[in-house]
Amino acid sequence: MTGEGVGTDGRWALEYRLETSHHDLEATLHAVISALAGEKGVDIKETKLTFVAPSGRQVDFRLSLTAKAMIMSADLVVHGKAEIGDDLNARVTEIEIDGDGMVAGLAKGIIEPQFAKIRGKAYPIARLDIPGLVVRDITVSATEGKVQLAVQLAAK
């Protein structure tokens, strides 16, 4: 995490950049998904994340994974789009799961209703409770090697 002072409109402001490697984000997702799937008796063998930020407020994602239940395995792909609105709320605007075969069909039947619960729901990411400061802007950038979140704070 890095921070720097900025004075764009004569008011005191600060920008923090949170950065992680693509590899670390992929490994974290693998660990979380593996733990959740393990509760249902499913073993996640592999995950691969593709993450693109075509604009500072939009993220397109694609997560490919190989799941194994008993002797059957399936390749699944979760893909979608998340956006940060002018109200600084994040919303998953698109999210779907695809895959072929019986195991993929079962997984889709279990997972798709969960996606319906989060699709379009506002997640307030600007609710930082820092006395005297307000979040002015949030942007995301992504390359093959890293993912970066920049948060601009300003004096109230």
Protein backbone atom coordinates (compact mmCIF):
# COMPACT_ATOMS: atom_id res chain seq x y z
CA MET A 1 0.00 0.00 0.00
CA THR A 2 1.37 3.41 -0.91
CA GLY A 3 0.01 6.89 -0.30
CA GLU A 4 0.72 10.36 -1.50
CA GLY A 5 -0.65 13.87 -0.94
CA VAL A 6 -2.39 15.61 -3.81
CA GLY A 7 -3.74 19.13 -3.95
CA THR A 8 -5.98 19.37 -7.01
CA ASP A 9 -8.56 21.92 -5.85
CA GLY A 10 -6.69 23.65 -3.06
CA ARG A 11 -8.05 21.18 -0.49
CA TRP A 12 -5.92 18.59 1.19
CA ALA A 13 -6.26 15.17 -0.42
CA LEU A 14 -4.55 11.81 -0.23
CA GLU A 15 -4.40 8.87 -2.63
CA TYR A 16 -3.75 5.32 -1.50
CA ARG A 17 -2.90 2.54 -3.92
CA LEU A 18 -3.49 -1.05 -2.92
CA GLU A 19 -1.74 -3.53 -5.17
CA THR A 20 -1.49 -7.30 -5.40
CA SER A 21 0.03 -9.61 -7.94
CA HIS A 22 -2.23 -11.48 -10.33
CA HIS A 23 -0.66 -14.72 -9.04
CA ASP A 24 -1.48 -13.90 -5.38
CA LEU A 25 -5.08 -12.96 -6.24
CA GLU A 26 -5.49 -16.21 -8.20
CA ALA A 27 -4.01 -18.24 -5.32
CA THR A 28 -6.33 -16.54 -2.80
CA LEU A 29 -9.38 -17.27 -4.96
CA HIS A 30 -8.27 -20.89 -5.31
CA ALA A 31 -7.95 -21.25 -1.52
CA VAL A 32 -11.37 -19.67 -0.83
CA ILE A 33 -13.18 -21.66 -3.53
CA SER A 34 -11.44 -24.88 -2.48
CA ALA A 35 -12.52 -24.40 1.13
CA LEU A 36 -16.15 -23.70 0.16
CA ALA A 37 -16.30 -26.57 -2.34
CA GLY A 38 -14.61 -28.90 0.15
CA GLU A 39 -17.57 -28.42 2.50
CA LYS A 40 -19.71 -30.03 -0.23
CA GLY A 41 -17.26 -32.87 -0.91
CA VAL A 42 -15.86 -31.30 -4.08
CA ASP A 43 -12.14 -30.98 -4.73
CA ILE A 44 -10.97 -27.99 -6.79
CA LYS A 45 -7.94 -29.13 -8.77
CA GLU A 46 -7.06 -25.97 -10.67
CA THR A 47 -8.12 -22.35 -11.03
CA LYS A 48 -7.12 -19.78 -13.64
CA LEU A 49 -8.14 -16.14 -13.41
CA THR A 50 -8.31 -13.63 -16.22
CA PHE A 51 -8.94 -10.12 -15.00
CA VAL A 52 -9.21 -7.07 -17.29
CA ALA A 53 -10.10 -3.48 -16.35
CA PRO A 54 -11.16 -1.81 -19.62
CA SER A 55 -11.89 1.40 -17.72
CA GLY A 56 -11.05 2.70 -14.28
CA ARG A 57 -14.43 1.70 -12.96
CA GLN A 58 -15.14 -1.62 -14.72
CA VAL A 59 -13.63 -5.09 -14.30
CA ASP A 60 -14.27 -8.03 -16.61
CA PHE A 61 -13.39 -11.38 -15.08
CA ARG A 62 -13.17 -15.01 -16.13
CA LEU A 63 -12.40 -17.79 -13.67
CA SER A 64 -11.78 -21.26 -15.10
CA LEU A 65 -11.65 -24.15 -12.68
CA THR A 66 -11.51 -27.91 -12.65
CA ALA A 67 -13.66 -29.55 -9.99
CA LYS A 68 -13.73 -33.21 -8.99
CA ALA A 69 -16.50 -34.97 -7.09
CA MET A 70 -15.92 -38.66 -6.38
CA ILE A 71 -14.73 -40.10 -9.71
CA MET A 72 -16.22 -37.40 -11.95
CA SER A 73 -14.63 -34.10 -12.86
CA ALA A 74 -15.81 -31.01 -14.67
CA ASP A 75 -14.34 -27.89 -16.18
CA LEU A 76 -16.34 -24.81 -15.20
CA VAL A 77 -16.03 -21.17 -16.25
CA VAL A 78 -17.41 -18.29 -14.21
CA HIS A 79 -17.39 -15.02 -16.12
CA GLY A 80 -18.88 -11.61 -15.67
CA LYS A 81 -18.46 -7.93 -15.11
CA ALA A 82 -18.30 -5.69 -12.04
CA GLU A 83 -18.60 -1.91 -12.09
CA ILE A 84 -18.08 0.94 -9.66
CA GLY A 85 -20.80 3.56 -10.16
CA ASP A 86 -20.66 7.32 -9.62
CA ASP A 87 -22.16 6.63 -6.18
CA LEU A 88 -18.95 4.64 -5.44
CA ASN A 89 -20.92 1.44 -5.00
CA ALA A 90 -19.65 -1.75 -6.64
CA ARG A 91 -22.14 -3.92 -8.49
CA VAL A 92 -21.71 -7.27 -10.19
CA THR A 93 -23.68 -6.47 -13.33
CA GLU A 94 -23.09 -9.75 -15.12
CA ILE A 95 -22.13 -13.17 -13.77
CA GLU A 96 -22.66 -16.58 -15.31
CA ILE A 97 -21.32 -20.11 -15.02
CA ASP A 98 -20.78 -22.45 -17.95
CA GLY A 99 -19.55 -26.01 -18.31
CA ASP A 100 -20.30 -29.32 -20.00
CA GLY A 101 -21.32 -32.66 -18.57
CA MET A 102 -23.36 -33.95 -15.67
CA VAL A 103 -21.14 -32.60 -12.88
CA ALA A 104 -21.09 -29.16 -14.51
CA GLY A 105 -24.88 -29.24 -14.77
CA LEU A 106 -25.19 -30.09 -11.07
CA ALA A 107 -22.72 -27.37 -10.11
CA LYS A 108 -24.56 -24.83 -12.23
CA GLY A 109 -27.84 -25.76 -10.55
CA ILE A 110 -26.32 -25.14 -7.11
CA ILE A 111 -24.28 -22.03 -7.93
CA GLU A 112 -26.57 -20.07 -10.30
CA PRO A 113 -29.18 -19.22 -7.59
CA GLN A 114 -26.34 -17.73 -5.51
CA PHE A 115 -25.31 -15.54 -8.44
CA ALA A 116 -28.90 -14.28 -8.73
CA LYS A 117 -28.60 -12.96 -5.16
CA ILE A 118 -25.53 -10.83 -5.91
CA ARG A 119 -26.28 -9.71 -9.49
CA GLY A 120 -27.02 -5.97 -9.42
CA LYS A 121 -26.75 -5.63 -5.63
CA ALA A 122 -24.93 -2.50 -4.45
CA TYR A 123 -21.82 -3.04 -2.33
CA PRO A 124 -20.78 0.28 -0.76
CA ILE A 125 -17.02 0.33 -1.05
CA ALA A 126 -16.65 3.99 -0.10
CA ARG A 127 -17.86 3.58 3.49
CA LEU A 128 -14.54 4.28 5.11
CA ASP A 129 -15.14 5.76 8.53
CA ILE A 130 -12.14 8.05 8.84
CA PRO A 131 -12.83 11.21 10.85
CA GLY A 132 -12.46 14.33 8.72
CA LEU A 133 -12.03 12.43 5.42
CA VAL A 134 -14.34 11.40 2.62
CA VAL A 135 -13.74 9.06 -0.33
CA ARG A 136 -13.66 11.15 -3.49
CA ASP A 137 -12.88 8.49 -6.11
CA ILE A 138 -11.97 4.83 -6.57
CA THR A 139 -10.38 3.32 -9.66
CA VAL A 140 -9.17 -0.15 -10.62
CA SER A 141 -6.47 -1.18 -13.05
CA ALA A 142 -5.33 -4.65 -14.05
CA THR A 143 -2.51 -6.05 -16.11
CA GLU A 144 -1.26 -9.61 -16.54
CA GLY A 145 1.05 -9.13 -13.58
CA LYS A 146 -0.86 -7.04 -11.06
CA VAL A 147 -4.18 -5.63 -9.90
CA GLN A 148 -4.30 -2.14 -8.38
CA LEU A 149 -7.03 -0.26 -6.49
CA ALA A 150 -6.53 3.51 -6.09
CA VAL A 151 -8.61 5.33 -3.47
CA GLN A 152 -8.63 9.13 -3.34
CA LEU A 153 -9.47 10.65 0.03
CA ALA A 154 -10.19 14.34 0.66
CA ALA A 155 -10.82 16.54 3.66
CA LYS A 156 -14.53 16.98 4.48
